[in-house]
Amino acid sequence: MFGRLMPREGRFFEQFKELAELIVQGSRELVALMASIDDLERRRFNIEAIEKKGDKVTHNTVQLLHKTFITPIDRNDVHQLITNMDDILDLIEDSAQSISMYDIRAVTPDAKRLADICVGCAEKVKAAVELLSSMKNASAIMDICGEIDRLESEADHVMRAAMAKLFRDESDVRELIKQRAIYELLEEMTDRCEDVANIIEGIVLENA
């Protein structure tokens, strides 16, 4: 009873939304980078700037968590959600940096398809997070999380087909290693989005 009377800090949901928006921005920049390698450095710089903003949001959220007596959702859920969302942004930056570092001159259609799926996952993460402040949205949130799971499964299928094609058709071992690394980073990005969806599903189940 005492806990119910204490003020609850609601800024966490705004922080979640802010970071989710940055994830969408970063994923779209990555798609744009892959569509036009000639513009790689500018896009990479934009992604780095977005990732730094994300780090600041994550840091501020963790600091707020330490200062808040009663949180609107479980403290561990707050920490897990914000840090896993930050991991998505880190992978976006890693992908952009790897394309630059490996001096990749042409991105394969399969890599572009994976990047498009990443954007879809990011947009769904944002949609779920925007509804999270009210458990009246529980059903809609669960549906969105189901869509993220579906997209992650689609990315797995694209990844397997892409790797088979790469090992079958690419004779340059160095190029094979480079492209494989990009595929793996992109596929891992969808995995992290699925992790976020799982955390959100847990929050809904605990609070609805």
N, C-alpha and C. Protein backbone atom coordinates (compact mmCIF):
# COMPACT_ATOMS: atom_id res chain seq x y z
N MET A 1 0.83 -1.20 0.00
CA MET A 1 0.00 0.00 0.00
C MET A 1 0.87 1.26 0.00
N PHE A 2 1.92 1.24 0.81
CA PHE A 2 2.80 2.41 0.88
C PHE A 2 3.39 2.74 -0.49
N GLY A 3 3.82 1.69 -1.21
CA GLY A 3 4.42 1.89 -2.52
C GLY A 3 3.47 2.55 -3.49
N ARG A 4 2.18 2.22 -3.38
CA ARG A 4 1.21 2.80 -4.31
C ARG A 4 1.03 4.29 -4.09
N LEU A 5 1.33 4.75 -2.88
CA LEU A 5 1.16 6.17 -2.57
C LEU A 5 2.38 7.00 -2.93
N MET A 6 3.49 6.35 -3.19
CA MET A 6 4.71 7.07 -3.51
C MET A 6 4.68 7.56 -4.96
N PRO A 7 5.30 8.71 -5.25
CA PRO A 7 5.34 9.20 -6.63
C PRO A 7 6.15 8.27 -7.52
N ARG A 8 5.67 8.05 -8.73
CA ARG A 8 6.36 7.19 -9.67
C ARG A 8 6.98 8.06 -10.77
N GLU A 9 8.20 7.73 -11.16
CA GLU A 9 8.92 8.49 -12.18
C GLU A 9 8.49 8.02 -13.57
N GLY A 10 7.88 8.93 -14.31
CA GLY A 10 7.37 8.57 -15.64
C GLY A 10 8.28 8.91 -16.80
N ARG A 11 9.42 9.54 -16.50
CA ARG A 11 10.31 9.96 -17.59
C ARG A 11 10.96 8.78 -18.32
N PHE A 12 10.93 7.61 -17.71
CA PHE A 12 11.54 6.45 -18.36
C PHE A 12 10.92 6.19 -19.72
N PHE A 13 9.62 6.32 -19.83
CA PHE A 13 8.96 6.05 -21.10
C PHE A 13 9.39 7.04 -22.17
N GLU A 14 9.62 8.28 -21.78
CA GLU A 14 10.11 9.28 -22.74
C GLU A 14 11.52 8.93 -23.20
N GLN A 15 12.34 8.42 -22.28
CA GLN A 15 13.69 8.00 -22.66
C GLN A 15 13.65 6.82 -23.62
N PHE A 16 12.76 5.86 -23.35
CA PHE A 16 12.61 4.73 -24.25
C PHE A 16 12.23 5.20 -25.65
N LYS A 17 11.28 6.13 -25.71
CA LYS A 17 10.82 6.64 -27.01
C LYS A 17 11.94 7.37 -27.75
N GLU A 18 12.71 8.15 -27.00
CA GLU A 18 13.81 8.90 -27.62
C GLU A 18 14.85 7.96 -28.21
N LEU A 19 15.19 6.91 -27.47
CA LEU A 19 16.18 5.97 -27.97
C LEU A 19 15.63 5.17 -29.15
N ALA A 20 14.36 4.81 -29.10
CA ALA A 20 13.75 4.07 -30.20
C ALA A 20 13.76 4.90 -31.48
N GLU A 21 13.51 6.19 -31.37
CA GLU A 21 13.54 7.06 -32.54
C GLU A 21 14.95 7.12 -33.12
N LEU A 22 15.95 7.16 -32.27
CA LEU A 22 17.33 7.17 -32.75
C LEU A 22 17.68 5.86 -33.46
N ILE A 23 17.14 4.75 -32.97
CA ILE A 23 17.37 3.46 -33.63
C ILE A 23 16.79 3.48 -35.04
N VAL A 24 15.60 4.02 -35.18
CA VAL A 24 14.99 4.12 -36.51
C VAL A 24 15.84 5.02 -37.41
N GLN A 25 16.25 6.16 -36.89
CA GLN A 25 17.09 7.07 -37.69
C GLN A 25 18.38 6.38 -38.13
N GLY A 26 19.01 5.69 -37.19
CA GLY A 26 20.27 5.02 -37.51
C GLY A 26 20.10 3.93 -38.54
N SER A 27 19.05 3.14 -38.43
CA SER A 27 18.82 2.05 -39.38
C SER A 27 18.54 2.60 -40.78
N ARG A 28 17.82 3.71 -40.86
CA ARG A 28 17.55 4.32 -42.16
C ARG A 28 18.81 4.90 -42.78
N GLU A 29 19.65 5.48 -41.95
CA GLU A 29 20.94 5.98 -42.45
C GLU A 29 21.79 4.85 -42.99
N LEU A 30 21.74 3.70 -42.32
CA LEU A 30 22.52 2.55 -42.78
C LEU A 30 22.03 2.06 -44.14
N VAL A 31 20.73 2.01 -44.32
CA VAL A 31 20.17 1.62 -45.62
C VAL A 31 20.61 2.61 -46.70
N ALA A 32 20.58 3.90 -46.36
CA ALA A 32 21.00 4.93 -47.32
C ALA A 32 22.48 4.79 -47.66
N LEU A 33 23.28 4.48 -46.65
CA LEU A 33 24.72 4.26 -46.86
C LEU A 33 24.95 3.10 -47.82
N MET A 34 24.22 2.02 -47.61
CA MET A 34 24.41 0.83 -48.43
C MET A 34 23.89 1.02 -49.85
N ALA A 35 22.96 1.93 -50.01
CA ALA A 35 22.41 2.20 -51.34
C ALA A 35 23.34 3.08 -52.16
N SER A 36 24.20 3.84 -51.48
CA SER A 36 25.10 4.76 -52.17
C SER A 36 26.44 4.79 -51.45
N ILE A 37 27.30 3.85 -51.80
CA ILE A 37 28.60 3.73 -51.16
C ILE A 37 29.44 5.00 -51.36
N ASP A 38 29.20 5.71 -52.45
CA ASP A 38 29.95 6.96 -52.71
C ASP A 38 29.74 7.98 -51.60
N ASP A 39 28.62 7.84 -50.89
CA ASP A 39 28.29 8.78 -49.81
C ASP A 39 28.59 8.17 -48.44
N LEU A 40 29.46 7.17 -48.43
CA LEU A 40 29.69 6.37 -47.23
C LEU A 40 30.16 7.20 -46.04
N GLU A 41 31.14 8.05 -46.23
CA GLU A 41 31.73 8.76 -45.08
C GLU A 41 30.74 9.71 -44.42
N ARG A 42 29.93 10.38 -45.22
CA ARG A 42 28.94 11.29 -44.63
C ARG A 42 27.90 10.50 -43.84
N ARG A 43 27.44 9.40 -44.43
CA ARG A 43 26.44 8.57 -43.75
C ARG A 43 27.03 7.94 -42.49
N ARG A 44 28.28 7.51 -42.56
CA ARG A 44 28.93 6.92 -41.39
C ARG A 44 29.04 7.95 -40.27
N PHE A 45 29.39 9.17 -40.63
CA PHE A 45 29.47 10.24 -39.64
C PHE A 45 28.10 10.48 -39.00
N ASN A 46 27.05 10.48 -39.82
CA ASN A 46 25.69 10.68 -39.30
C ASN A 46 25.33 9.57 -38.30
N ILE A 47 25.68 8.33 -38.66
CA ILE A 47 25.37 7.20 -37.78
C ILE A 47 26.14 7.30 -36.47
N GLU A 48 27.39 7.70 -36.54
CA GLU A 48 28.18 7.87 -35.32
C GLU A 48 27.57 8.93 -34.42
N ALA A 49 27.08 10.01 -35.03
CA ALA A 49 26.45 11.08 -34.24
C ALA A 49 25.17 10.58 -33.58
N ILE A 50 24.40 9.79 -34.30
CA ILE A 50 23.17 9.21 -33.75
C ILE A 50 23.51 8.26 -32.61
N GLU A 51 24.54 7.44 -32.79
CA GLU A 51 24.93 6.49 -31.76
C GLU A 51 25.38 7.21 -30.49
N LYS A 52 26.09 8.32 -30.64
CA LYS A 52 26.52 9.09 -29.47
C LYS A 52 25.32 9.66 -28.72
N LYS A 53 24.32 10.11 -29.45
CA LYS A 53 23.09 10.59 -28.81
C LYS A 53 22.43 9.45 -28.04
N GLY A 54 22.44 8.26 -28.65
CA GLY A 54 21.87 7.10 -27.99
C GLY A 54 22.60 6.75 -26.71
N ASP A 55 23.92 6.84 -26.73
CA ASP A 55 24.70 6.58 -25.52
C ASP A 55 24.31 7.55 -24.41
N LYS A 56 24.08 8.80 -24.79
CA LYS A 56 23.70 9.81 -23.79
C LYS A 56 22.33 9.49 -23.19
N VAL A 57 21.38 9.09 -24.04
CA VAL A 57 20.05 8.72 -23.55
C VAL A 57 20.15 7.52 -22.60
N THR A 58 20.95 6.53 -22.99
CA THR A 58 21.12 5.34 -22.15
C THR A 58 21.74 5.71 -20.81
N HIS A 59 22.78 6.52 -20.85
CA HIS A 59 23.44 6.96 -19.62
C HIS A 59 22.47 7.72 -18.72
N ASN A 60 21.70 8.63 -19.30
CA ASN A 60 20.75 9.42 -18.52
C ASN A 60 19.68 8.53 -17.89
N THR A 61 19.27 7.50 -18.64
CA THR A 61 18.24 6.60 -18.12
C THR A 61 18.77 5.79 -16.94
N VAL A 62 19.99 5.31 -17.06
CA VAL A 62 20.59 4.54 -15.96
C VAL A 62 20.78 5.43 -14.74
N GLN A 63 21.20 6.68 -14.97
CA GLN A 63 21.35 7.62 -13.85
C GLN A 63 20.02 7.89 -13.18
N LEU A 64 18.98 8.07 -14.00
CA LEU A 64 17.64 8.30 -13.45
C LEU A 64 17.17 7.09 -12.65
N LEU A 65 17.52 5.91 -13.12
CA LEU A 65 17.14 4.68 -12.43
C LEU A 65 17.74 4.64 -11.03
N HIS A 66 18.99 5.07 -10.91
CA HIS A 66 19.66 5.07 -9.61
C HIS A 66 19.03 6.08 -8.64
N LYS A 67 18.43 7.12 -9.19
CA LYS A 67 17.89 8.20 -8.36
C LYS A 67 16.40 8.02 -8.04
N THR A 68 15.76 7.05 -8.70
CA THR A 68 14.32 6.91 -8.59
C THR A 68 13.95 5.86 -7.55
N PHE A 69 13.09 6.25 -6.61
CA PHE A 69 12.69 5.33 -5.54
C PHE A 69 11.72 4.28 -6.05
N ILE A 70 10.69 4.72 -6.77
CA ILE A 70 9.70 3.79 -7.31
C ILE A 70 9.61 4.00 -8.82
N THR A 71 9.83 2.93 -9.56
CA THR A 71 9.81 3.00 -11.02
C THR A 71 8.46 2.50 -11.53
N PRO A 72 8.04 2.96 -12.72
CA PRO A 72 6.73 2.56 -13.24
C PRO A 72 6.66 1.08 -13.63
N ILE A 73 7.81 0.50 -13.96
CA ILE A 73 7.92 -0.93 -14.21
C ILE A 73 9.13 -1.44 -13.43
N ASP A 74 9.31 -2.74 -13.39
CA ASP A 74 10.40 -3.33 -12.62
C ASP A 74 11.75 -2.70 -12.99
N ARG A 75 12.57 -2.44 -11.99
CA ARG A 75 13.85 -1.76 -12.21
C ARG A 75 14.74 -2.53 -13.18
N ASN A 76 14.77 -3.85 -13.01
CA ASN A 76 15.60 -4.66 -13.90
C ASN A 76 15.08 -4.59 -15.34
N ASP A 77 13.76 -4.51 -15.51
CA ASP A 77 13.19 -4.39 -16.86
C ASP A 77 13.60 -3.07 -17.50
N VAL A 78 13.60 -2.00 -16.72
CA VAL A 78 14.06 -0.71 -17.23
C VAL A 78 15.49 -0.82 -17.74
N HIS A 79 16.35 -1.39 -16.91
CA HIS A 79 17.76 -1.50 -17.27
C HIS A 79 17.96 -2.40 -18.48
N GLN A 80 17.29 -3.55 -18.49
CA GLN A 80 17.43 -4.48 -19.60
C GLN A 80 16.93 -3.87 -20.91
N LEU A 81 15.81 -3.18 -20.84
CA LEU A 81 15.23 -2.61 -22.06
C LEU A 81 16.13 -1.53 -22.65
N ILE A 82 16.59 -0.60 -21.82
CA ILE A 82 17.37 0.52 -22.35
C ILE A 82 18.74 0.03 -22.85
N THR A 83 19.35 -0.93 -22.17
CA THR A 83 20.67 -1.39 -22.60
C THR A 83 20.58 -2.25 -23.86
N ASN A 84 19.53 -3.05 -23.98
CA ASN A 84 19.37 -3.85 -25.19
C ASN A 84 19.02 -2.98 -26.40
N MET A 85 18.26 -1.93 -26.18
CA MET A 85 18.00 -0.98 -27.26
C MET A 85 19.30 -0.29 -27.69
N ASP A 86 20.13 0.05 -26.71
CA ASP A 86 21.41 0.67 -27.03
C ASP A 86 22.30 -0.29 -27.83
N ASP A 87 22.20 -1.59 -27.54
CA ASP A 87 22.97 -2.57 -28.30
C ASP A 87 22.61 -2.55 -29.79
N ILE A 88 21.34 -2.30 -30.10
CA ILE A 88 20.92 -2.22 -31.50
C ILE A 88 21.65 -1.08 -32.20
N LEU A 89 21.70 0.07 -31.54
CA LEU A 89 22.41 1.22 -32.12
C LEU A 89 23.89 0.94 -32.29
N ASP A 90 24.47 0.24 -31.33
CA ASP A 90 25.89 -0.11 -31.43
C ASP A 90 26.14 -0.97 -32.67
N LEU A 91 25.25 -1.90 -32.95
CA LEU A 91 25.41 -2.78 -34.12
C LEU A 91 25.23 -2.01 -35.42
N ILE A 92 24.35 -1.02 -35.41
CA ILE A 92 24.20 -0.17 -36.59
C ILE A 92 25.51 0.56 -36.87
N GLU A 93 26.10 1.12 -35.81
CA GLU A 93 27.38 1.81 -35.99
C GLU A 93 28.47 0.82 -36.40
N ASP A 94 28.51 -0.36 -35.80
CA ASP A 94 29.51 -1.36 -36.16
C ASP A 94 29.40 -1.74 -37.63
N SER A 95 28.19 -1.84 -38.13
CA SER A 95 27.98 -2.20 -39.54
C SER A 95 28.54 -1.12 -40.46
N ALA A 96 28.23 0.13 -40.15
CA ALA A 96 28.73 1.24 -40.96
C ALA A 96 30.25 1.32 -40.92
N GLN A 97 30.81 1.16 -39.73
CA GLN A 97 32.26 1.22 -39.60
C GLN A 97 32.94 0.06 -40.32
N SER A 98 32.32 -1.11 -40.29
CA SER A 98 32.91 -2.27 -40.95
C SER A 98 32.91 -2.11 -42.46
N ILE A 99 31.83 -1.57 -43.01
CA ILE A 99 31.79 -1.32 -44.45
C ILE A 99 32.90 -0.38 -44.86
N SER A 100 33.13 0.64 -44.03
CA SER A 100 34.21 1.59 -44.30
C SER A 100 35.58 0.96 -44.10
N MET A 101 35.76 0.28 -42.98
CA MET A 101 37.06 -0.30 -42.63
C MET A 101 37.48 -1.38 -43.62
N TYR A 102 36.52 -2.19 -44.06
CA TYR A 102 36.84 -3.27 -44.99
C TYR A 102 36.93 -2.79 -46.44
N ASP A 103 36.68 -1.49 -46.63
CA ASP A 103 36.75 -0.90 -47.98
C ASP A 103 35.85 -1.66 -48.95
N ILE A 104 34.62 -1.89 -48.51
CA ILE A 104 33.65 -2.58 -49.36
C ILE A 104 33.15 -1.61 -50.43
N ARG A 105 33.34 -1.98 -51.67
CA ARG A 105 32.99 -1.10 -52.78
C ARG A 105 31.58 -1.35 -53.33
N ALA A 106 31.05 -2.53 -53.07
CA ALA A 106 29.71 -2.87 -53.56
C ALA A 106 29.01 -3.74 -52.52
N VAL A 107 27.82 -3.32 -52.14
CA VAL A 107 27.03 -4.07 -51.17
C VAL A 107 26.10 -5.01 -51.92
N THR A 108 26.03 -6.25 -51.49
CA THR A 108 25.22 -7.23 -52.19
C THR A 108 23.73 -6.98 -51.98
N PRO A 109 22.89 -7.43 -52.92
CA PRO A 109 21.44 -7.32 -52.73
C PRO A 109 20.97 -8.00 -51.45
N ASP A 110 21.61 -9.11 -51.07
CA ASP A 110 21.21 -9.80 -49.84
C ASP A 110 21.50 -8.93 -48.61
N ALA A 111 22.62 -8.24 -48.60
CA ALA A 111 22.94 -7.35 -47.48
C ALA A 111 21.94 -6.20 -47.42
N LYS A 112 21.56 -5.68 -48.59
CA LYS A 112 20.58 -4.60 -48.63
C LYS A 112 19.23 -5.10 -48.12
N ARG A 113 18.88 -6.34 -48.46
CA ARG A 113 17.62 -6.90 -47.98
C ARG A 113 17.65 -7.05 -46.46
N LEU A 114 18.76 -7.51 -45.92
CA LEU A 114 18.88 -7.62 -44.47
C LEU A 114 18.76 -6.24 -43.81
N ALA A 115 19.37 -5.24 -44.42
CA ALA A 115 19.30 -3.89 -43.87
C ALA A 115 17.87 -3.36 -43.88
N ASP A 116 17.12 -3.69 -44.94
CA ASP A 116 15.71 -3.29 -45.00
C ASP A 116 14.91 -3.95 -43.88
N ILE A 117 15.20 -5.22 -43.62
CA ILE A 117 14.52 -5.92 -42.53
C ILE A 117 14.87 -5.27 -41.19
N CYS A 118 16.12 -4.84 -41.05
CA CYS A 118 16.53 -4.14 -39.83
C CYS A 118 15.71 -2.88 -39.61
N VAL A 119 15.45 -2.15 -40.69
CA VAL A 119 14.61 -0.94 -40.58
C VAL A 119 13.22 -1.33 -40.11
N GLY A 120 12.67 -2.39 -40.70
CA GLY A 120 11.35 -2.84 -40.29
C GLY A 120 11.32 -3.21 -38.81
N CYS A 121 12.34 -3.91 -38.34
CA CYS A 121 12.43 -4.27 -36.92
C CYS A 121 12.51 -3.02 -36.05
N ALA A 122 13.34 -2.07 -36.47
CA ALA A 122 13.51 -0.83 -35.70
C ALA A 122 12.20 -0.06 -35.59
N GLU A 123 11.47 0.00 -36.69
CA GLU A 123 10.19 0.72 -36.67
C GLU A 123 9.18 0.03 -35.76
N LYS A 124 9.22 -1.31 -35.73
CA LYS A 124 8.31 -2.05 -34.85
C LYS A 124 8.71 -1.87 -33.38
N VAL A 125 10.01 -1.84 -33.10
CA VAL A 125 10.47 -1.56 -31.73
C VAL A 125 9.95 -0.20 -31.28
N LYS A 126 10.07 0.79 -32.15
CA LYS A 126 9.59 2.14 -31.82
C LYS A 126 8.08 2.13 -31.56
N ALA A 127 7.34 1.41 -32.41
CA ALA A 127 5.88 1.36 -32.25
C ALA A 127 5.50 0.72 -30.93
N ALA A 128 6.20 -0.36 -30.54
CA ALA A 128 5.90 -1.03 -29.28
C ALA A 128 6.23 -0.14 -28.08
N VAL A 129 7.39 0.50 -28.14
CA VAL A 129 7.83 1.36 -27.04
C VAL A 129 6.88 2.53 -26.84
N GLU A 130 6.36 3.07 -27.93
CA GLU A 130 5.45 4.22 -27.83
C GLU A 130 4.15 3.88 -27.12
N LEU A 131 3.79 2.59 -27.10
CA LEU A 131 2.55 2.16 -26.46
C LEU A 131 2.77 1.67 -25.03
N LEU A 132 4.00 1.57 -24.62
CA LEU A 132 4.35 0.86 -23.38
C LEU A 132 3.90 1.56 -22.10
N SER A 133 3.64 2.83 -22.17
CA SER A 133 3.29 3.57 -20.96
C SER A 133 1.90 3.23 -20.43
N SER A 134 1.07 2.57 -21.25
CA SER A 134 -0.26 2.19 -20.81
C SER A 134 -0.53 0.72 -21.12
N MET A 135 -0.90 -0.03 -20.11
CA MET A 135 -1.19 -1.45 -20.32
C MET A 135 -2.55 -1.66 -20.97
N LYS A 136 -3.26 -0.56 -21.24
CA LYS A 136 -4.46 -0.66 -22.07
C LYS A 136 -4.06 -1.07 -23.50
N ASN A 137 -2.79 -0.85 -23.81
CA ASN A 137 -2.28 -1.19 -25.14
C ASN A 137 -1.68 -2.59 -25.21
N ALA A 138 -1.91 -3.40 -24.17
CA ALA A 138 -1.22 -4.69 -24.05
C ALA A 138 -1.38 -5.55 -25.30
N SER A 139 -2.60 -5.68 -25.80
CA SER A 139 -2.84 -6.54 -26.96
C SER A 139 -2.10 -6.03 -28.19
N ALA A 140 -2.14 -4.72 -28.42
CA ALA A 140 -1.46 -4.14 -29.57
C ALA A 140 0.05 -4.31 -29.46
N ILE A 141 0.57 -4.14 -28.25
CA ILE A 141 2.02 -4.31 -28.03
C ILE A 141 2.43 -5.74 -28.34
N MET A 142 1.66 -6.70 -27.88
CA MET A 142 2.00 -8.10 -28.12
C MET A 142 1.95 -8.43 -29.61
N ASP A 143 1.01 -7.84 -30.31
CA ASP A 143 0.93 -8.05 -31.77
C ASP A 143 2.18 -7.51 -32.46
N ILE A 144 2.63 -6.34 -32.03
CA ILE A 144 3.83 -5.73 -32.62
C ILE A 144 5.06 -6.59 -32.33
N CYS A 145 5.15 -7.09 -31.11
CA CYS A 145 6.27 -7.96 -30.76
C CYS A 145 6.26 -9.23 -31.61
N GLY A 146 5.07 -9.72 -31.91
CA GLY A 146 4.96 -10.87 -32.81
C GLY A 146 5.47 -10.55 -34.19
N GLU A 147 5.25 -9.33 -34.66
CA GLU A 147 5.77 -8.90 -35.96
C GLU A 147 7.29 -8.83 -35.95
N ILE A 148 7.86 -8.40 -34.84
CA ILE A 148 9.33 -8.37 -34.73
C ILE A 148 9.88 -9.79 -34.81
N ASP A 149 9.24 -10.72 -34.12
CA ASP A 149 9.66 -12.12 -34.19
C ASP A 149 9.60 -12.63 -35.63
N ARG A 150 8.54 -12.27 -36.35
CA ARG A 150 8.40 -12.71 -37.73
C ARG A 150 9.51 -12.14 -38.61
N LEU A 151 9.83 -10.87 -38.40
CA LEU A 151 10.89 -10.24 -39.18
C LEU A 151 12.26 -10.87 -38.88
N GLU A 152 12.47 -11.20 -37.61
CA GLU A 152 13.73 -11.85 -37.25
C GLU A 152 13.86 -13.21 -37.94
N SER A 153 12.76 -13.94 -38.01
CA SER A 153 12.76 -15.23 -38.71
C SER A 153 13.03 -15.04 -40.20
N GLU A 154 12.45 -14.00 -40.77
CA GLU A 154 12.71 -13.69 -42.18
C GLU A 154 14.19 -13.38 -42.40
N ALA A 155 14.78 -12.63 -41.47
CA ALA A 155 16.21 -12.31 -41.58
C ALA A 155 17.06 -13.58 -41.51
N ASP A 156 16.66 -14.53 -40.69
CA ASP A 156 17.38 -15.81 -40.61
C ASP A 156 17.37 -16.51 -41.96
N HIS A 157 16.21 -16.52 -42.62
CA HIS A 157 16.10 -17.17 -43.92
C HIS A 157 16.97 -16.47 -44.97
N VAL A 158 16.92 -15.14 -44.97
CA VAL A 158 17.73 -14.37 -45.92
C VAL A 158 19.21 -14.62 -45.65
N MET A 159 19.58 -14.65 -44.38
CA MET A 159 20.97 -14.87 -44.00
C MET A 159 21.48 -16.23 -44.48
N ARG A 160 20.70 -17.27 -44.26
CA ARG A 160 21.13 -18.60 -44.67
C ARG A 160 21.30 -18.69 -46.19
N ALA A 161 20.35 -18.11 -46.92
CA ALA A 161 20.44 -18.13 -48.38
C ALA A 161 21.63 -17.30 -48.86
N ALA A 162 21.86 -16.17 -48.21
CA ALA A 162 22.96 -15.29 -48.60
C ALA A 162 24.31 -15.96 -48.36
N MET A 163 24.45 -16.63 -47.22
CA MET A 163 25.70 -17.30 -46.91
C MET A 163 25.96 -18.46 -47.88
N ALA A 164 24.92 -19.20 -48.21
CA ALA A 164 25.07 -20.30 -49.17
C ALA A 164 25.54 -19.76 -50.52
N LYS A 165 24.93 -18.68 -50.96
CA LYS A 165 25.31 -18.06 -52.23
C LYS A 165 26.73 -17.53 -52.19
N LEU A 166 27.09 -16.92 -51.07
CA LEU A 166 28.43 -16.34 -50.92
C LEU A 166 29.50 -17.43 -51.02
N PHE A 167 29.31 -18.52 -50.30
CA PHE A 167 30.31 -19.60 -50.31
C PHE A 167 30.32 -20.34 -51.64
N ARG A 168 29.21 -20.29 -52.34
CA ARG A 168 29.14 -20.97 -53.63
C ARG A 168 29.77 -20.15 -54.75
N ASP A 169 29.55 -18.83 -54.70
CA ASP A 169 29.89 -18.00 -55.86
C ASP A 169 31.13 -17.12 -55.69
N GLU A 170 31.51 -16.80 -54.45
CA GLU A 170 32.61 -15.86 -54.24
C GLU A 170 33.94 -16.61 -54.17
N SER A 171 34.81 -16.34 -55.13
CA SER A 171 36.10 -17.02 -55.19
C SER A 171 37.20 -16.28 -54.43
N ASP A 172 37.01 -14.99 -54.20
CA ASP A 172 37.99 -14.19 -53.47
C ASP A 172 37.75 -14.37 -51.96
N VAL A 173 38.68 -15.02 -51.29
CA VAL A 173 38.50 -15.34 -49.87
C VAL A 173 38.38 -14.07 -49.03
N ARG A 174 39.16 -13.06 -49.35
CA ARG A 174 39.08 -11.82 -48.57
C ARG A 174 37.71 -11.17 -48.72
N GLU A 175 37.19 -11.16 -49.93
CA GLU A 175 35.87 -10.58 -50.15
C GLU A 175 34.80 -11.39 -49.44
N LEU A 176 34.97 -12.68 -49.43
CA LEU A 176 34.02 -13.56 -48.74
C LEU A 176 33.99 -13.23 -47.24
N ILE A 177 35.17 -13.06 -46.65
CA ILE A 177 35.25 -12.76 -45.22
C ILE A 177 34.59 -11.41 -44.92
N LYS A 178 34.84 -10.44 -45.78
CA LYS A 178 34.26 -9.11 -45.58
C LYS A 178 32.73 -9.15 -45.63
N GLN A 179 32.20 -9.76 -46.68
CA GLN A 179 30.75 -9.80 -46.85
C GLN A 179 30.09 -10.62 -45.74
N ARG A 180 30.73 -11.71 -45.35
CA ARG A 180 30.19 -12.53 -44.27
C ARG A 180 30.08 -11.72 -42.98
N ALA A 181 31.09 -10.91 -42.69
CA ALA A 181 31.06 -10.10 -41.47
C ALA A 181 29.88 -9.12 -41.49
N ILE A 182 29.60 -8.53 -42.65
CA ILE A 182 28.47 -7.59 -42.76
C ILE A 182 27.15 -8.32 -42.58
N TYR A 183 27.02 -9.47 -43.22
CA TYR A 183 25.80 -10.27 -43.05
C TYR A 183 25.56 -10.58 -41.57
N GLU A 184 26.61 -10.98 -40.90
CA GLU A 184 26.46 -11.40 -39.49
C GLU A 184 26.07 -10.22 -38.60
N LEU A 185 26.63 -9.05 -38.84
CA LEU A 185 26.27 -7.87 -38.06
C LEU A 185 24.80 -7.50 -38.27
N LEU A 186 24.36 -7.55 -39.51
CA LEU A 186 22.98 -7.20 -39.83
C LEU A 186 22.00 -8.20 -39.22
N GLU A 187 22.33 -9.47 -39.32
CA GLU A 187 21.45 -10.49 -38.76
C GLU A 187 21.42 -10.38 -37.24
N GLU A 188 22.57 -10.07 -36.64
CA GLU A 188 22.61 -9.90 -35.19
C GLU A 188 21.75 -8.72 -34.74
N MET A 189 21.65 -7.71 -35.60
CA MET A 189 20.82 -6.56 -35.28
C MET A 189 19.36 -6.99 -35.12
N THR A 190 18.90 -7.86 -36.01
CA THR A 190 17.52 -8.34 -35.89
C THR A 190 17.37 -9.21 -34.64
N ASP A 191 18.41 -9.95 -34.28
CA ASP A 191 18.37 -10.73 -33.03
C ASP A 191 18.19 -9.83 -31.82
N ARG A 192 18.91 -8.71 -31.81
CA ARG A 192 18.80 -7.79 -30.68
C ARG A 192 17.41 -7.14 -30.64
N CYS A 193 16.82 -6.90 -31.80
CA CYS A 193 15.46 -6.37 -31.83
C CYS A 193 14.49 -7.39 -31.25
N GLU A 194 14.72 -8.66 -31.56
CA GLU A 194 13.89 -9.72 -30.99
C GLU A 194 14.08 -9.78 -29.48
N ASP A 195 15.31 -9.59 -29.00
CA ASP A 195 15.56 -9.56 -27.56
C ASP A 195 14.74 -8.45 -26.90
N VAL A 196 14.73 -7.28 -27.54
CA VAL A 196 13.95 -6.16 -27.02
C VAL A 196 12.47 -6.51 -26.99
N ALA A 197 12.00 -7.15 -28.06
CA ALA A 197 10.59 -7.57 -28.10
C ALA A 197 10.28 -8.54 -26.97
N ASN A 198 11.19 -9.45 -26.68
CA ASN A 198 10.97 -10.40 -25.59
C ASN A 198 10.90 -9.70 -24.24
N ILE A 199 11.75 -8.70 -24.05
CA ILE A 199 11.72 -7.93 -22.81
C ILE A 199 10.39 -7.19 -22.68
N ILE A 200 9.94 -6.59 -23.76
CA ILE A 200 8.68 -5.85 -23.75
C ILE A 200 7.51 -6.80 -23.47
N GLU A 201 7.54 -7.98 -24.10
CA GLU A 201 6.49 -8.96 -23.81
C GLU A 201 6.47 -9.33 -22.33
N GLY A 202 7.65 -9.49 -21.74
CA GLY A 202 7.72 -9.79 -20.32
C GLY A 202 7.13 -8.68 -19.46
N ILE A 203 7.41 -7.45 -19.84
CA ILE A 203 6.87 -6.29 -19.11
C ILE A 203 5.35 -6.30 -19.17
N VAL A 204 4.82 -6.56 -20.36
CA VAL A 204 3.37 -6.59 -20.52
C VAL A 204 2.75 -7.69 -19.68
N LEU A 205 3.33 -8.87 -19.72
CA LEU A 205 2.79 -9.99 -18.97
C LEU A 205 2.82 -9.74 -17.45
N GLU A 206 3.83 -9.01 -17.00
CA GLU A 206 3.94 -8.73 -15.57
C GLU A 206 3.02 -7.62 -15.11
N ASN A 207 2.64 -6.73 -16.03
CA ASN A 207 1.92 -5.51 -15.62
C ASN A 207 0.51 -5.38 -16.14
N ALA A 208 0.13 -6.16 -17.13
CA ALA A 208 -1.21 -6.01 -17.71
C ALA A 208 -2.28 -6.57 -16.77
